[in-house]
Amino acid sequence: MSLQEQFEQTVAESKNLSERPDNMTLLKMYGLYKQGSSGDVQGDRPGMTDFVGRAKWDAWEALKGLPQEEAQQQYIDLIAELKG
């Protein structure tokens, strides 16, 4: 199975975690997912009133320059860790 296939399978599995991760972990998952699927952050940072959008954008932006394959592997490893 290719890394891309593993990543896609893990994304599907992440929706069925037994416990909802804390917000910091969710942001890490989001950032790794976006970096792994889309590459470096795109678009403008959301405004001050969009707290959730801004936090998500910041989590993705923090991974700028990380190769997509590495982000995919880190996402797979994080979900494996959360599944126990």
PDB file of N, CA and C in Angstrom:
ATOM      1  N   MET A   1       0.859  -1.181   0.000  1.00  0.00           N
ATOM      2  CA  MET A   1       0.000   0.000   0.000  1.00  0.00           C
ATOM      3  C   MET A   1       0.901   1.239   0.000  1.00  0.00           C
ATOM      4  N   SER A   2       0.599   2.180  -0.864  1.00  0.00           N
ATOM      5  CA  SER A   2       1.409   3.394  -0.951  1.00  0.00           C
ATOM      6  C   SER A   2       1.154   4.307   0.254  1.00  0.00           C
ATOM      7  N   LEU A   3       2.060   5.237   0.467  1.00  0.00           N
ATOM      8  CA  LEU A   3       1.890   6.203   1.556  1.00  0.00           C
ATOM      9  C   LEU A   3       0.601   6.994   1.359  1.00  0.00           C
ATOM     10  N   GLN A   4       0.318   7.392   0.119  1.00  0.00           N
ATOM     11  CA  GLN A   4      -0.909   8.146  -0.178  1.00  0.00           C
ATOM     12  C   GLN A   4      -2.150   7.330   0.205  1.00  0.00           C
ATOM     13  N   GLU A   5      -2.144   6.044  -0.104  1.00  0.00           N
ATOM     14  CA  GLU A   5      -3.279   5.181   0.234  1.00  0.00           C
ATOM     15  C   GLU A   5      -3.405   5.015   1.750  1.00  0.00           C
ATOM     16  N   GLN A   6      -2.266   4.847   2.420  1.00  0.00           N
ATOM     17  CA  GLN A   6      -2.277   4.745   3.887  1.00  0.00           C
ATOM     18  C   GLN A   6      -2.835   6.022   4.498  1.00  0.00           C
ATOM     19  N   PHE A   7      -2.409   7.170   3.955  1.00  0.00           N
ATOM     20  CA  PHE A   7      -2.858   8.473   4.445  1.00  0.00           C
ATOM     21  C   PHE A   7      -4.370   8.595   4.296  1.00  0.00           C
ATOM     22  N   GLU A   8      -4.883   8.266   3.115  1.00  0.00           N
ATOM     23  CA  GLU A   8      -6.326   8.365   2.870  1.00  0.00           C
ATOM     24  C   GLU A   8      -7.110   7.429   3.779  1.00  0.00           C
ATOM     25  N   GLN A   9      -6.597   6.224   3.993  1.00  0.00           N
ATOM     26  CA  GLN A   9      -7.251   5.266   4.884  1.00  0.00           C
ATOM     27  C   GLN A   9      -7.249   5.798   6.326  1.00  0.00           C
ATOM     28  N   THR A  10      -6.130   6.370   6.736  1.00  0.00           N
ATOM     29  CA  THR A  10      -6.013   6.902   8.098  1.00  0.00           C
ATOM     30  C   THR A  10      -6.943   8.092   8.304  1.00  0.00           C
ATOM     31  N   VAL A  11      -7.081   8.942   7.285  1.00  0.00           N
ATOM     32  CA  VAL A  11      -8.015  10.067   7.376  1.00  0.00           C
ATOM     33  C   VAL A  11      -9.422   9.535   7.634  1.00  0.00           C
ATOM     34  N   ALA A  12      -9.819   8.490   6.919  1.00  0.00           N
ATOM     35  CA  ALA A  12     -11.144   7.897   7.125  1.00  0.00           C
ATOM     36  C   ALA A  12     -11.264   7.325   8.540  1.00  0.00           C
ATOM     37  N   GLU A  13     -10.216   6.639   9.001  1.00  0.00           N
ATOM     38  CA  GLU A  13     -10.223   6.039  10.341  1.00  0.00           C
ATOM     39  C   GLU A  13     -10.260   7.102  11.437  1.00  0.00           C
ATOM     40  N   SER A  14      -9.687   8.271  11.170  1.00  0.00           N
ATOM     41  CA  SER A  14      -9.604   9.310  12.200  1.00  0.00           C
ATOM     42  C   SER A  14     -10.987   9.816  12.605  1.00  0.00           C
ATOM     43  N   LYS A  15     -11.964   9.617  11.759  1.00  0.00           N
ATOM     44  CA  LYS A  15     -13.332  10.056  12.055  1.00  0.00           C
ATOM     45  C   LYS A  15     -14.015   9.121  13.057  1.00  0.00           C
ATOM     46  N   ASN A  16     -13.394   7.966  13.332  1.00  0.00           N
ATOM     47  CA  ASN A  16     -13.991   6.959  14.207  1.00  0.00           C
ATOM     48  C   ASN A  16     -13.176   6.703  15.469  1.00  0.00           C
ATOM     49  N   LEU A  17     -12.432   7.709  15.918  1.00  0.00           N
ATOM     50  CA  LEU A  17     -11.664   7.535  17.157  1.00  0.00           C
ATOM     51  C   LEU A  17     -12.618   7.343  18.325  1.00  0.00           C
ATOM     52  N   SER A  18     -12.223   6.506  19.284  1.00  0.00           N
ATOM     53  CA  SER A  18     -13.108   6.216  20.413  1.00  0.00           C
ATOM     54  C   SER A  18     -13.308   7.443  21.303  1.00  0.00           C
ATOM     55  N   GLU A  19     -12.289   8.284  21.405  1.00  0.00           N
ATOM     56  CA  GLU A  19     -12.404   9.514  22.200  1.00  0.00           C
ATOM     57  C   GLU A  19     -12.077  10.714  21.328  1.00  0.00           C
ATOM     58  N   ARG A  20     -12.780  11.813  21.556  1.00  0.00           N
ATOM     59  CA  ARG A  20     -12.500  13.035  20.819  1.00  0.00           C
ATOM     60  C   ARG A  20     -11.197  13.629  21.360  1.00  0.00           C
ATOM     61  N   PRO A  21     -10.212  13.859  20.481  1.00  0.00           N
ATOM     62  CA  PRO A  21      -8.948  14.455  20.951  1.00  0.00           C
ATOM     63  C   PRO A  21      -9.163  15.876  21.483  1.00  0.00           C
ATOM     64  N   ASP A  22      -8.238  16.341  22.309  1.00  0.00           N
ATOM     65  CA  ASP A  22      -8.320  17.714  22.809  1.00  0.00           C
ATOM     66  C   ASP A  22      -8.066  18.683  21.651  1.00  0.00           C
ATOM     67  N   ASN A  23      -8.383  19.953  21.886  1.00  0.00           N
ATOM     68  CA  ASN A  23      -8.311  20.957  20.818  1.00  0.00           C
ATOM     69  C   ASN A  23      -6.919  21.103  20.218  1.00  0.00           C
ATOM     70  N   MET A  24      -5.868  21.035  21.037  1.00  0.00           N
ATOM     71  CA  MET A  24      -4.506  21.170  20.506  1.00  0.00           C
ATOM     72  C   MET A  24      -4.176  20.002  19.576  1.00  0.00           C
ATOM     73  N   THR A  25      -4.613  18.810  19.946  1.00  0.00           N
ATOM     74  CA  THR A  25      -4.384  17.644  19.095  1.00  0.00           C
ATOM     75  C   THR A  25      -5.197  17.752  17.812  1.00  0.00           C
ATOM     76  N   LEU A  26      -6.431  18.235  17.922  1.00  0.00           N
ATOM     77  CA  LEU A  26      -7.259  18.433  16.725  1.00  0.00           C
ATOM     78  C   LEU A  26      -6.604  19.425  15.768  1.00  0.00           C
ATOM     79  N   LEU A  27      -6.023  20.481  16.313  1.00  0.00           N
ATOM     80  CA  LEU A  27      -5.339  21.464  15.461  1.00  0.00           C
ATOM     81  C   LEU A  27      -4.106  20.841  14.794  1.00  0.00           C
ATOM     82  N   LYS A  28      -3.387  20.015  15.538  1.00  0.00           N
ATOM     83  CA  LYS A  28      -2.227  19.327  14.968  1.00  0.00           C
ATOM     84  C   LYS A  28      -2.674  18.393  13.842  1.00  0.00           C
ATOM     85  N   MET A  29      -3.766  17.655  14.083  1.00  0.00           N
ATOM     86  CA  MET A  29      -4.315  16.771  13.059  1.00  0.00           C
ATOM     87  C   MET A  29      -4.699  17.573  11.821  1.00  0.00           C
ATOM     88  N   TYR A  30      -5.362  18.698  12.028  1.00  0.00           N
ATOM     89  CA  TYR A  30      -5.797  19.532  10.906  1.00  0.00           C
ATOM     90  C   TYR A  30      -4.600  20.035  10.105  1.00  0.00           C
ATOM     91  N   GLY A  31      -3.601  20.562  10.806  1.00  0.00           N
ATOM     92  CA  GLY A  31      -2.416  21.086  10.128  1.00  0.00           C
ATOM     93  C   GLY A  31      -1.707  20.021   9.316  1.00  0.00           C
ATOM     94  N   LEU A  32      -1.524  18.832   9.913  1.00  0.00           N
ATOM     95  CA  LEU A  32      -0.858  17.736   9.200  1.00  0.00           C
ATOM     96  C   LEU A  32      -1.698  17.262   8.016  1.00  0.00           C
ATOM     97  N   TYR A  33      -3.024  17.217   8.213  1.00  0.00           N
ATOM     98  CA  TYR A  33      -3.908  16.811   7.111  1.00  0.00           C
ATOM     99  C   TYR A  33      -3.791  17.785   5.944  1.00  0.00           C
ATOM    100  N   LYS A  34      -3.889  19.080   6.239  1.00  0.00           N
ATOM    101  CA  LYS A  34      -3.834  20.082   5.167  1.00  0.00           C
ATOM    102  C   LYS A  34      -2.469  20.081   4.485  1.00  0.00           C
ATOM    103  N   GLN A  35      -1.397  19.983   5.267  1.00  0.00           N
ATOM    104  CA  GLN A  35      -0.047  19.960   4.686  1.00  0.00           C
ATOM    105  C   GLN A  35       0.135  18.686   3.851  1.00  0.00           C
ATOM    106  N   GLY A  36      -0.376  17.572   4.346  1.00  0.00           N
ATOM    107  CA  GLY A  36      -0.240  16.303   3.642  1.00  0.00           C
ATOM    108  C   GLY A  36      -1.089  16.206   2.395  1.00  0.00           C
ATOM    109  N   SER A  37      -2.210  16.920   2.369  1.00  0.00           N
ATOM    110  CA  SER A  37      -3.105  16.828   1.221  1.00  0.00           C
ATOM    111  C   SER A  37      -2.953  17.989   0.249  1.00  0.00           C
ATOM    112  N   SER A  38      -2.568  19.168   0.737  1.00  0.00           N
ATOM    113  CA  SER A  38      -2.538  20.361  -0.120  1.00  0.00           C
ATOM    114  C   SER A  38      -1.179  21.041  -0.208  1.00  0.00           C
ATOM    115  N   GLY A  39      -0.222  20.653   0.631  1.00  0.00           N
ATOM    116  CA  GLY A  39       1.071  21.333   0.638  1.00  0.00           C
ATOM    117  C   GLY A  39       1.010  22.591   1.493  1.00  0.00           C
ATOM    118  N   ASP A  40       1.909  23.531   1.211  1.00  0.00           N
ATOM    119  CA  ASP A  40       2.014  24.745   2.032  1.00  0.00           C
ATOM    120  C   ASP A  40       0.715  25.545   2.058  1.00  0.00           C
ATOM    121  N   VAL A  41       0.548  26.244   3.178  1.00  0.00           N
ATOM    122  CA  VAL A  41      -0.648  27.045   3.419  1.00  0.00           C
ATOM    123  C   VAL A  41      -0.922  28.000   2.261  1.00  0.00           C
ATOM    124  N   GLN A  42      -2.202  28.200   1.990  1.00  0.00           N
ATOM    125  CA  GLN A  42      -2.629  29.092   0.915  1.00  0.00           C
ATOM    126  C   GLN A  42      -3.680  30.044   1.461  1.00  0.00           C
ATOM    127  N   GLY A  43      -3.822  31.177   0.800  1.00  0.00           N
ATOM    128  CA  GLY A  43      -4.843  32.134   1.199  1.00  0.00           C
ATOM    129  C   GLY A  43      -4.387  33.025   2.331  1.00  0.00           C
ATOM    130  N   ASP A  44      -5.234  33.976   2.661  1.00  0.00           N
ATOM    131  CA  ASP A  44      -4.931  34.928   3.718  1.00  0.00           C
ATOM    132  C   ASP A  44      -5.361  34.396   5.071  1.00  0.00           C
ATOM    133  N   ARG A  45      -4.664  34.842   6.105  1.00  0.00           N
ATOM    134  CA  ARG A  45      -5.015  34.465   7.476  1.00  0.00           C
ATOM    135  C   ARG A  45      -6.374  35.065   7.817  1.00  0.00           C
ATOM    136  N   PRO A  46      -7.306  34.259   8.360  1.00  0.00           N
ATOM    137  CA  PRO A  46      -8.620  34.794   8.739  1.00  0.00           C
ATOM    138  C   PRO A  46      -8.500  35.923   9.756  1.00  0.00           C
ATOM    139  N   GLY A  47      -9.499  36.766   9.790  1.00  0.00           N
ATOM    140  CA  GLY A  47      -9.518  37.920  10.686  1.00  0.00           C
ATOM    141  C   GLY A  47      -9.667  37.551  12.153  1.00  0.00           C
ATOM    142  N   MET A  48      -9.502  38.554  13.010  1.00  0.00           N
ATOM    143  CA  MET A  48      -9.520  38.365  14.465  1.00  0.00           C
ATOM    144  C   MET A  48     -10.831  37.768  14.970  1.00  0.00           C
ATOM    145  N   THR A  49     -11.944  38.004  14.287  1.00  0.00           N
ATOM    146  CA  THR A  49     -13.232  37.522  14.788  1.00  0.00           C
ATOM    147  C   THR A  49     -13.477  36.060  14.454  1.00  0.00           C
ATOM    148  N   ASP A  50     -12.682  35.491  13.531  1.00  0.00           N
ATOM    149  CA  ASP A  50     -12.826  34.082  13.160  1.00  0.00           C
ATOM    150  C   ASP A  50     -11.792  33.278  13.934  1.00  0.00           C
ATOM    151  N   PHE A  51     -12.088  33.030  15.209  1.00  0.00           N
ATOM    152  CA  PHE A  51     -11.126  32.376  16.091  1.00  0.00           C
ATOM    153  C   PHE A  51     -10.752  30.972  15.607  1.00  0.00           C
ATOM    154  N   VAL A  52     -11.746  30.183  15.226  1.00  0.00           N
ATOM    155  CA  VAL A  52     -11.500  28.805  14.807  1.00  0.00           C
ATOM    156  C   VAL A  52     -10.715  28.788  13.492  1.00  0.00           C
ATOM    157  N   GLY A  53     -11.169  29.567  12.526  1.00  0.00           N
ATOM    158  CA  GLY A  53     -10.489  29.626  11.235  1.00  0.00           C
ATOM    159  C   GLY A  53      -9.053  30.084  11.371  1.00  0.00           C
ATOM    160  N   ARG A  54      -8.850  31.057  12.242  1.00  0.00           N
ATOM    161  CA  ARG A  54      -7.505  31.597  12.469  1.00  0.00           C
ATOM    162  C   ARG A  54      -6.601  30.541  13.120  1.00  0.00           C
ATOM    163  N   ALA A  55      -7.115  29.816  14.093  1.00  0.00           N
ATOM    164  CA  ALA A  55      -6.335  28.770  14.769  1.00  0.00           C
ATOM    165  C   ALA A  55      -5.982  27.655  13.789  1.00  0.00           C
ATOM    166  N   LYS A  56      -6.935  27.271  12.939  1.00  0.00           N
ATOM    167  CA  LYS A  56      -6.677  26.229  11.947  1.00  0.00           C
ATOM    168  C   LYS A  56      -5.618  26.701  10.942  1.00  0.00           C
ATOM    169  N   TRP A  57      -5.748  27.922  10.473  1.00  0.00           N
ATOM    170  CA  TRP A  57      -4.790  28.472   9.506  1.00  0.00           C
ATOM    171  C   TRP A  57      -3.400  28.503  10.131  1.00  0.00           C
ATOM    172  N   ASP A  58      -3.310  28.949  11.391  1.00  0.00           N
ATOM    173  CA  ASP A  58      -2.019  29.009  12.086  1.00  0.00           C
ATOM    174  C   ASP A  58      -1.398  27.619  12.238  1.00  0.00           C
ATOM    175  N   ALA A  59      -2.224  26.611  12.536  1.00  0.00           N
ATOM    176  CA  ALA A  59      -1.726  25.244  12.688  1.00  0.00           C
ATOM    177  C   ALA A  59      -1.158  24.735  11.366  1.00  0.00           C
ATOM    178  N   TRP A  60      -1.805  25.085  10.265  1.00  0.00           N
ATOM    179  CA  TRP A  60      -1.329  24.684   8.944  1.00  0.00           C
ATOM    180  C   TRP A  60      -0.076  25.474   8.578  1.00  0.00           C
ATOM    181  N   GLU A  61      -0.099  26.772   8.836  1.00  0.00           N
ATOM    182  CA  GLU A  61       1.024  27.646   8.484  1.00  0.00           C
ATOM    183  C   GLU A  61       2.295  27.255   9.229  1.00  0.00           C
ATOM    184  N   ALA A  62       2.150  26.715  10.450  1.00  0.00           N
ATOM    185  CA  ALA A  62       3.300  26.313  11.263  1.00  0.00           C
ATOM    186  C   ALA A  62       4.082  25.173  10.602  1.00  0.00           C
ATOM    187  N   LEU A  63       3.452  24.464   9.681  1.00  0.00           N
ATOM    188  CA  LEU A  63       4.091  23.325   9.016  1.00  0.00           C
ATOM    189  C   LEU A  63       4.633  23.688   7.640  1.00  0.00           C
ATOM    190  N   LYS A  64       4.632  24.966   7.312  1.00  0.00           N
ATOM    191  CA  LYS A  64       5.096  25.419   6.000  1.00  0.00           C
ATOM    192  C   LYS A  64       6.498  24.889   5.727  1.00  0.00           C
ATOM    193  N   GLY A  65       6.687  24.325   4.538  1.00  0.00           N
ATOM    194  CA  GLY A  65       7.986  23.785   4.151  1.00  0.00           C
ATOM    195  C   GLY A  65       8.140  22.303   4.431  1.00  0.00           C
ATOM    196  N   LEU A  66       7.265  21.727   5.253  1.00  0.00           N
ATOM    197  CA  LEU A  66       7.318  20.293   5.539  1.00  0.00           C
ATOM    198  C   LEU A  66       6.852  19.542   4.292  1.00  0.00           C
ATOM    199  N   PRO A  67       7.666  18.607   3.784  1.00  0.00           N
ATOM    200  CA  PRO A  67       7.241  17.866   2.589  1.00  0.00           C
ATOM    201  C   PRO A  67       5.911  17.147   2.827  1.00  0.00           C
ATOM    202  N   GLN A  68       5.081  17.080   1.784  1.00  0.00           N
ATOM    203  CA  GLN A  68       3.771  16.451   1.913  1.00  0.00           C
ATOM    204  C   GLN A  68       3.863  15.024   2.419  1.00  0.00           C
ATOM    205  N   GLU A  69       4.849  14.269   1.919  1.00  0.00           N
ATOM    206  CA  GLU A  69       4.991  12.869   2.339  1.00  0.00           C
ATOM    207  C   GLU A  69       5.303  12.772   3.835  1.00  0.00           C
ATOM    208  N   GLU A  70       6.128  13.674   4.319  1.00  0.00           N
ATOM    209  CA  GLU A  70       6.466  13.670   5.746  1.00  0.00           C
ATOM    210  C   GLU A  70       5.251  14.039   6.597  1.00  0.00           C
ATOM    211  N   ALA A  71       4.471  15.003   6.129  1.00  0.00           N
ATOM    212  CA  ALA A  71       3.243  15.379   6.837  1.00  0.00           C
ATOM    213  C   ALA A  71       2.265  14.206   6.861  1.00  0.00           C
ATOM    214  N   GLN A  72       2.160  13.487   5.751  1.00  0.00           N
ATOM    215  CA  GLN A  72       1.276  12.328   5.700  1.00  0.00           C
ATOM    216  C   GLN A  72       1.721  11.272   6.706  1.00  0.00           C
ATOM    217  N   GLN A  73       3.033  11.009   6.780  1.00  0.00           N
ATOM    218  CA  GLN A  73       3.543  10.001   7.709  1.00  0.00           C
ATOM    219  C   GLN A  73       3.309  10.433   9.153  1.00  0.00           C
ATOM    220  N   GLN A  74       3.530  11.711   9.452  1.00  0.00           N
ATOM    221  CA  GLN A  74       3.298  12.209  10.811  1.00  0.00           C
ATOM    222  C   GLN A  74       1.817  12.094  11.185  1.00  0.00           C
ATOM    223  N   TYR A  75       0.935  12.346  10.228  1.00  0.00           N
ATOM    224  CA  TYR A  75      -0.508  12.217  10.474  1.00  0.00           C
ATOM    225  C   TYR A  75      -0.848  10.762  10.785  1.00  0.00           C
ATOM    226  N   ILE A  76      -0.324   9.838   9.970  1.00  0.00           N
ATOM    227  CA  ILE A  76      -0.555   8.410  10.185  1.00  0.00           C
ATOM    228  C   ILE A  76      -0.060   8.001  11.572  1.00  0.00           C
ATOM    229  N   ASP A  77       1.134   8.451  11.947  1.00  0.00           N
ATOM    230  CA  ASP A  77       1.712   8.118  13.251  1.00  0.00           C
ATOM    231  C   ASP A  77       0.881   8.699  14.399  1.00  0.00           C
ATOM    232  N   LEU A  78       0.407   9.937  14.229  1.00  0.00           N
ATOM    233  CA  LEU A  78      -0.399  10.576  15.283  1.00  0.00           C
ATOM    234  C   LEU A  78      -1.707   9.823  15.504  1.00  0.00           C
ATOM    235  N   ILE A  79      -2.383   9.452  14.429  1.00  0.00           N
ATOM    236  CA  ILE A  79      -3.655   8.732  14.562  1.00  0.00           C
ATOM    237  C   ILE A  79      -3.418   7.358  15.184  1.00  0.00           C
ATOM    238  N   ALA A  80      -2.335   6.690  14.801  1.00  0.00           N
ATOM    239  CA  ALA A  80      -1.995   5.396  15.391  1.00  0.00           C
ATOM    240  C   ALA A  80      -1.794   5.532  16.906  1.00  0.00           C
ATOM    241  N   GLU A  81      -1.139   6.611  17.297  1.00  0.00           N
ATOM    242  CA  GLU A  81      -0.896   6.891  18.714  1.00  0.00           C
ATOM    243  C   GLU A  81      -2.231   7.140  19.448  1.00  0.00           C
ATOM    244  N   LEU A  82      -3.122   7.871  18.821  1.00  0.00           N
ATOM    245  CA  LEU A  82      -4.421   8.172  19.432  1.00  0.00           C
ATOM    246  C   LEU A  82      -5.303   6.928  19.545  1.00  0.00           C
ATOM    247  N   LYS A  83      -5.140   6.019  18.593  1.00  0.00           N
ATOM    248  CA  LYS A  83      -5.922   4.779  18.631  1.00  0.00           C
ATOM    249  C   LYS A  83      -5.403   3.832  19.696  1.00  0.00           C
ATOM    250  N   GLY A  84      -4.168   4.071  20.161  1.00  0.00           N
ATOM    251  CA  GLY A  84      -3.607   3.251  21.230  1.00  0.00           C
ATOM    252  C   GLY A  84      -2.990   2.018  20.665  1.00  0.00           C
TER     253      GLY A  84
END
